[in-house]
Protein backbone atom coordinates (compact mmCIF):
# COMPACT_ATOMS: atom_id res chain seq x y z
CA MET A 1 154.13 85.41 59.81
CA LYS A 2 155.73 88.82 59.54
CA ALA A 3 155.19 91.55 62.12
CA GLN A 4 153.78 93.84 59.42
CA ALA A 5 150.93 91.38 58.80
CA LEU A 6 149.87 91.98 62.39
CA HIS A 7 149.63 95.73 61.93
CA GLY A 8 146.83 96.95 64.17
CA HIS A 9 146.49 93.63 66.01
CA LEU A 10 149.71 93.25 67.98
CA ASP A 11 148.48 95.20 70.99
CA ALA A 12 145.39 92.99 71.23
CA LEU A 13 147.52 89.85 71.02
CA LEU A 14 149.81 91.08 73.79
CA LEU A 15 146.85 91.99 76.00
CA ALA A 16 145.35 88.54 75.40
CA VAL A 17 148.62 86.81 76.34
CA LEU A 18 148.80 88.84 79.56
CA GLU A 19 145.20 88.04 80.45
CA GLY A 20 146.44 84.78 81.98
CA GLY A 21 148.73 86.59 84.40
CA ALA A 22 151.97 88.51 84.65
CA LEU A 23 154.82 87.47 82.36
CA HIS A 24 158.29 88.74 81.59
CA GLY A 25 159.11 89.81 78.04
CA TYR A 26 160.68 86.61 76.76
CA ALA A 27 157.83 84.55 78.23
CA ILE A 28 155.40 86.75 76.29
CA ILE A 29 157.31 86.04 73.07
CA GLU A 30 157.26 82.30 73.87
CA ALA A 31 153.51 82.40 74.61
CA LEU A 32 152.81 84.09 71.27
CA ARG A 33 154.89 81.45 69.51
CA ALA A 34 153.24 78.55 71.37
CA ARG A 35 149.64 79.74 71.00
CA SER A 36 150.15 80.35 67.28
CA ASP A 37 151.80 76.97 66.63
CA GLY A 38 154.99 78.81 65.74
CA ASN A 39 153.41 81.21 63.26
CA LEU A 40 154.07 84.24 65.45
CA ASP A 41 157.81 84.25 65.97
CA LEU A 42 158.26 87.94 66.57
CA PRO A 43 161.55 89.63 67.43
CA THR A 44 162.16 91.51 70.64
CA GLY A 45 162.43 94.69 68.55
CA THR A 46 158.73 94.32 67.77
CA ILE A 47 157.45 93.16 71.16
CA TYR A 48 159.23 95.49 73.58
CA PRO A 49 158.23 98.77 71.89
CA ALA A 50 154.62 97.52 71.84
CA LEU A 51 154.79 96.67 75.55
CA ARG A 52 156.16 100.14 76.30
CA ARG A 53 153.33 101.66 74.24
CA LEU A 54 150.77 99.63 76.21
CA GLU A 55 152.39 100.73 79.44
CA ARG A 56 152.25 104.41 78.44
CA ALA A 57 148.56 103.92 77.58
CA GLY A 58 147.93 102.52 81.07
CA HIS A 59 146.96 99.05 79.79
CA VAL A 60 149.87 97.25 81.42
CA VAL A 61 152.18 97.90 84.34
CA SER A 62 155.67 96.55 84.67
CA THR A 63 157.87 95.67 87.61
CA TRP A 64 161.43 94.46 87.83
CA SER A 65 162.04 91.06 89.35
CA THR A 66 164.88 88.59 89.62
CA VAL A 67 164.30 85.25 87.88
CA ASN A 68 167.07 82.63 88.15
CA GLY A 69 169.50 85.35 89.12
CA ARG A 70 168.57 87.58 86.16
CA GLU A 71 166.77 90.91 86.28
CA ARG A 72 163.60 90.78 84.22
CA ARG A 73 160.80 93.19 83.62
CA THR A 74 157.43 91.57 84.25
CA TYR A 75 154.26 92.92 82.64
CA GLN A 76 150.71 92.67 83.96
CA LEU A 77 147.32 93.87 82.72
CA THR A 78 145.66 96.76 84.50
CA ASP A 79 141.91 97.18 84.82
CA ALA A 80 142.11 99.53 81.84
CA GLY A 81 143.98 96.78 79.98
CA HIS A 82 141.20 94.30 80.67
CA ARG A 83 138.66 96.81 79.33
CA ALA A 84 140.84 97.49 76.28
CA LEU A 85 141.08 93.75 75.61
CA ALA A 86 137.29 93.41 75.77
CA GLY A 87 137.00 96.24 73.24
CA GLU A 88 139.64 94.67 70.99
CA ARG A 89 137.77 91.36 71.06
CA ALA A 90 134.48 93.01 70.14
CA GLY A 91 136.17 94.90 67.30
CA TRP A 92 137.86 91.71 66.09
CA ARG A 93 134.57 89.81 65.99
CA GLU A 94 132.94 92.56 63.95
CA PHE A 95 135.95 92.88 61.62
CA SER A 96 136.34 89.14 61.01
CA SER A 97 132.62 88.70 60.47
CA THR A 98 132.52 91.52 57.92
CA VAL A 99 135.67 90.47 56.04
CA GLY A 100 134.54 86.84 56.18
CA ARG A 101 131.51 87.77 54.11
CA PHE A 102 133.91 88.48 51.26
CA LEU A 103 136.70 85.98 51.78
CA ASP A 104 134.89 82.87 53.03
CA PRO A 105 133.15 81.15 50.10
CA GLY A 106 129.51 80.46 50.60
CA THR A 107 129.02 82.77 53.59
CA SER A 108 128.05 85.92 51.73
CA PRO A 109 124.76 86.61 50.01
CA ALA A 110 124.79 86.59 46.24
CA ALA A 111 125.61 89.91 44.65
CA PRO A 112 122.68 91.61 42.90
CA ALA A 113 122.48 90.89 39.20
């Protein structure tokens, strides 16, 4: 799946991945890949700018740590990030329910004649 197909949803996906606890950048990419059965194999050039955007918005904080002798930036949700994720989930449910009325056969009422 291409990054462009996720337009408008990447931030929510990153927040959801971080809901389970702090992760460094590559672990976030691996979590996206694993939870999507390999469908979300996004490059660092897509993920890191989004993480910086979320940090500027106050939804995540980052700290530097040493993992296996390597310096890594670790990201964690803030309280504002948890609230943003709740809002993203509510918006997603409404969006998918509305679009599903058109794209899922048999779930929409018949059009007027």
